[in-house]
Amino acid sequence: MKDLLTLSEVSTFLKVPKSTIYKLARERRLPGHKVGKHWRFVREEIESWVQNAGGEEPVGAISQNGGRDRFSLN
């Protein structure tokens, strides 16, 4: 079974506010899965997302126009 993280755990791990995690997940710029009203994140996907922050595009990031976007922690 994959290690799942809560929104609070991802917020602590990335050292950013929960509101930023909500926004990035909702915009599909951060890999996450909604379970009912709650967000859950696969640790390996978050770690991969962080490693790719300075280089290639994140897996599954889709912009409003359907293209792939680079992401930013800002």
N, C-alpha and C. Protein backbone atom coordinates (compact mmCIF):
# COMPACT_ATOMS: atom_id res chain seq x y z
N MET A 1 0.84 -1.18 0.00
CA MET A 1 0.00 0.00 0.00
C MET A 1 0.88 1.24 0.00
N LYS A 2 0.48 2.23 -0.77
CA LYS A 2 1.25 3.47 -0.87
C LYS A 2 1.01 4.32 0.37
N ASP A 3 2.05 5.07 0.74
CA ASP A 3 1.98 5.95 1.90
C ASP A 3 1.19 7.21 1.53
N LEU A 4 0.05 7.42 2.19
CA LEU A 4 -0.78 8.59 1.92
C LEU A 4 -0.53 9.67 2.95
N LEU A 5 -0.55 10.91 2.48
CA LEU A 5 -0.38 12.07 3.35
C LEU A 5 -1.65 12.90 3.35
N THR A 6 -1.92 13.53 4.47
CA THR A 6 -3.04 14.47 4.55
C THR A 6 -2.58 15.83 4.03
N LEU A 7 -3.53 16.72 3.87
CA LEU A 7 -3.21 18.07 3.44
C LEU A 7 -2.28 18.74 4.45
N SER A 8 -2.54 18.56 5.74
CA SER A 8 -1.69 19.14 6.78
C SER A 8 -0.26 18.60 6.70
N GLU A 9 -0.12 17.31 6.45
CA GLU A 9 1.21 16.71 6.36
C GLU A 9 1.97 17.25 5.14
N VAL A 10 1.28 17.43 4.02
CA VAL A 10 1.93 17.98 2.83
C VAL A 10 2.31 19.43 3.09
N SER A 11 1.45 20.17 3.75
CA SER A 11 1.73 21.56 4.10
C SER A 11 3.00 21.65 4.95
N THR A 12 3.12 20.80 5.92
CA THR A 12 4.31 20.76 6.78
C THR A 12 5.54 20.34 5.99
N PHE A 13 5.39 19.30 5.17
CA PHE A 13 6.50 18.78 4.37
C PHE A 13 7.04 19.85 3.42
N LEU A 14 6.15 20.58 2.74
CA LEU A 14 6.56 21.60 1.77
C LEU A 14 6.83 22.96 2.42
N LYS A 15 6.43 23.09 3.70
CA LYS A 15 6.61 24.34 4.44
C LYS A 15 5.90 25.51 3.75
N VAL A 16 4.66 25.24 3.35
CA VAL A 16 3.80 26.28 2.77
C VAL A 16 2.43 26.20 3.45
N PRO A 17 1.66 27.29 3.41
CA PRO A 17 0.34 27.29 4.06
C PRO A 17 -0.61 26.26 3.43
N LYS A 18 -1.56 25.81 4.23
CA LYS A 18 -2.56 24.87 3.73
C LYS A 18 -3.32 25.44 2.55
N SER A 19 -3.58 26.75 2.57
CA SER A 19 -4.32 27.39 1.47
C SER A 19 -3.59 27.23 0.15
N THR A 20 -2.26 27.24 0.18
CA THR A 20 -1.47 27.05 -1.04
C THR A 20 -1.61 25.62 -1.54
N ILE A 21 -1.61 24.67 -0.62
CA ILE A 21 -1.77 23.26 -1.01
C ILE A 21 -3.14 23.05 -1.64
N TYR A 22 -4.20 23.60 -1.02
CA TYR A 22 -5.55 23.53 -1.59
C TYR A 22 -5.56 24.08 -3.01
N LYS A 23 -4.98 25.26 -3.19
CA LYS A 23 -5.00 25.92 -4.49
C LYS A 23 -4.27 25.09 -5.54
N LEU A 24 -3.06 24.64 -5.22
CA LEU A 24 -2.28 23.86 -6.18
C LEU A 24 -2.96 22.53 -6.53
N ALA A 25 -3.54 21.87 -5.53
CA ALA A 25 -4.22 20.60 -5.78
C ALA A 25 -5.48 20.82 -6.62
N ARG A 26 -6.25 21.85 -6.29
CA ARG A 26 -7.48 22.15 -7.02
C ARG A 26 -7.17 22.48 -8.48
N GLU A 27 -6.07 23.17 -8.72
CA GLU A 27 -5.65 23.53 -10.09
C GLU A 27 -4.91 22.40 -10.79
N ARG A 28 -4.76 21.28 -10.11
CA ARG A 28 -4.05 20.10 -10.63
C ARG A 28 -2.59 20.40 -10.94
N ARG A 29 -2.01 21.32 -10.19
CA ARG A 29 -0.59 21.63 -10.33
C ARG A 29 0.22 20.83 -9.32
N LEU A 30 -0.45 20.26 -8.33
CA LEU A 30 0.15 19.40 -7.31
C LEU A 30 -0.61 18.08 -7.36
N PRO A 31 0.08 16.94 -7.48
CA PRO A 31 -0.64 15.67 -7.59
C PRO A 31 -1.36 15.32 -6.29
N GLY A 32 -2.66 15.18 -6.37
CA GLY A 32 -3.45 14.82 -5.20
C GLY A 32 -4.74 14.14 -5.61
N HIS A 33 -5.41 13.56 -4.64
CA HIS A 33 -6.64 12.82 -4.89
C HIS A 33 -7.68 13.26 -3.88
N LYS A 34 -8.87 13.58 -4.34
CA LYS A 34 -9.93 13.99 -3.45
C LYS A 34 -10.74 12.76 -3.06
N VAL A 35 -10.89 12.56 -1.76
CA VAL A 35 -11.68 11.45 -1.22
C VAL A 35 -12.80 12.10 -0.42
N GLY A 36 -13.99 12.12 -1.03
CA GLY A 36 -15.09 12.85 -0.40
C GLY A 36 -14.73 14.33 -0.35
N LYS A 37 -14.70 14.89 0.85
CA LYS A 37 -14.33 16.30 1.03
C LYS A 37 -12.86 16.48 1.34
N HIS A 38 -12.12 15.39 1.43
CA HIS A 38 -10.74 15.44 1.91
C HIS A 38 -9.74 15.17 0.79
N TRP A 39 -8.62 15.86 0.86
CA TRP A 39 -7.53 15.62 -0.07
C TRP A 39 -6.54 14.62 0.54
N ARG A 40 -6.03 13.73 -0.29
CA ARG A 40 -4.97 12.81 0.10
C ARG A 40 -3.90 12.85 -0.98
N PHE A 41 -2.67 12.66 -0.56
CA PHE A 41 -1.52 12.78 -1.44
C PHE A 41 -0.62 11.57 -1.26
N VAL A 42 -0.16 11.00 -2.37
CA VAL A 42 0.76 9.86 -2.33
C VAL A 42 2.17 10.42 -2.13
N ARG A 43 2.83 9.97 -1.07
CA ARG A 43 4.15 10.50 -0.72
C ARG A 43 5.10 10.49 -1.91
N GLU A 44 5.17 9.39 -2.65
CA GLU A 44 6.10 9.27 -3.77
C GLU A 44 5.79 10.31 -4.85
N GLU A 45 4.50 10.61 -5.08
CA GLU A 45 4.13 11.60 -6.09
C GLU A 45 4.55 13.00 -5.65
N ILE A 46 4.41 13.30 -4.37
CA ILE A 46 4.82 14.61 -3.85
C ILE A 46 6.33 14.74 -3.91
N GLU A 47 7.05 13.70 -3.52
CA GLU A 47 8.51 13.75 -3.58
C GLU A 47 9.00 13.93 -5.01
N SER A 48 8.37 13.24 -5.96
CA SER A 48 8.73 13.38 -7.36
C SER A 48 8.43 14.80 -7.85
N TRP A 49 7.30 15.33 -7.44
CA TRP A 49 6.89 16.70 -7.81
C TRP A 49 7.94 17.70 -7.32
N VAL A 50 8.41 17.53 -6.09
CA VAL A 50 9.42 18.43 -5.53
C VAL A 50 10.73 18.29 -6.31
N GLN A 51 11.15 17.08 -6.63
CA GLN A 51 12.40 16.86 -7.36
C GLN A 51 12.35 17.50 -8.74
N ASN A 52 11.19 17.53 -9.36
CA ASN A 52 11.05 18.10 -10.70
C ASN A 52 10.80 19.60 -10.68
N ALA A 53 10.75 20.20 -9.52
CA ALA A 53 10.41 21.63 -9.40
C ALA A 53 11.35 22.53 -10.19
N GLY A 54 12.61 22.18 -10.27
CA GLY A 54 13.55 23.04 -10.97
C GLY A 54 13.79 22.63 -12.41
N GLY A 55 13.17 21.55 -12.84
CA GLY A 55 13.47 21.05 -14.18
C GLY A 55 12.24 20.85 -15.02
N GLU A 56 11.91 19.59 -15.23
CA GLU A 56 10.81 19.26 -16.12
C GLU A 56 9.46 19.57 -15.51
N GLU A 57 8.44 19.50 -16.36
CA GLU A 57 7.07 19.75 -15.93
C GLU A 57 6.59 18.62 -15.02
N PRO A 58 5.71 18.93 -14.07
CA PRO A 58 5.19 17.89 -13.20
C PRO A 58 4.26 16.94 -13.96
N VAL A 59 4.22 15.72 -13.53
CA VAL A 59 3.34 14.74 -14.15
C VAL A 59 1.90 15.16 -13.91
N GLY A 60 1.11 15.19 -14.97
CA GLY A 60 -0.32 15.45 -14.84
C GLY A 60 -0.71 16.91 -14.72
N ALA A 61 0.22 17.83 -14.84
CA ALA A 61 -0.15 19.25 -14.75
C ALA A 61 -0.78 19.68 -16.06
N ILE A 62 -1.99 20.16 -15.99
CA ILE A 62 -2.72 20.58 -17.18
C ILE A 62 -3.20 22.00 -16.97
N SER A 63 -2.92 22.86 -17.91
CA SER A 63 -3.32 24.25 -17.79
C SER A 63 -4.77 24.43 -18.21
N GLN A 64 -5.27 25.65 -18.06
CA GLN A 64 -6.65 25.98 -18.43
C GLN A 64 -6.90 25.70 -19.91
N ASN A 65 -5.89 25.93 -20.75
CA ASN A 65 -6.08 25.74 -22.19
C ASN A 65 -5.75 24.32 -22.64
N GLY A 66 -5.54 23.41 -21.69
CA GLY A 66 -5.29 22.01 -22.04
C GLY A 66 -3.83 21.67 -22.26
N GLY A 67 -2.95 22.69 -22.24
CA GLY A 67 -1.52 22.44 -22.40
C GLY A 67 -0.87 22.11 -21.07
N ARG A 68 0.40 21.83 -21.12
CA ARG A 68 1.11 21.52 -19.88
C ARG A 68 1.81 22.78 -19.40
N ASP A 69 1.72 23.05 -18.11
CA ASP A 69 2.33 24.22 -17.50
C ASP A 69 3.49 23.82 -16.61
N ARG A 70 4.46 24.69 -16.51
CA ARG A 70 5.47 24.55 -15.47
C ARG A 70 4.84 25.04 -14.19
N PHE A 71 5.34 24.61 -13.09
CA PHE A 71 4.73 25.04 -11.82
C PHE A 71 5.73 25.84 -11.02
N SER A 72 5.22 26.48 -10.02
CA SER A 72 6.03 27.29 -9.14
C SER A 72 5.50 27.14 -7.72
N LEU A 73 6.38 27.17 -6.78
CA LEU A 73 5.96 27.14 -5.38
C LEU A 73 5.54 28.52 -4.94
N ASN A 74 5.69 29.54 -5.78
CA ASN A 74 5.28 30.91 -5.42
C ASN A 74 3.84 31.15 -5.75
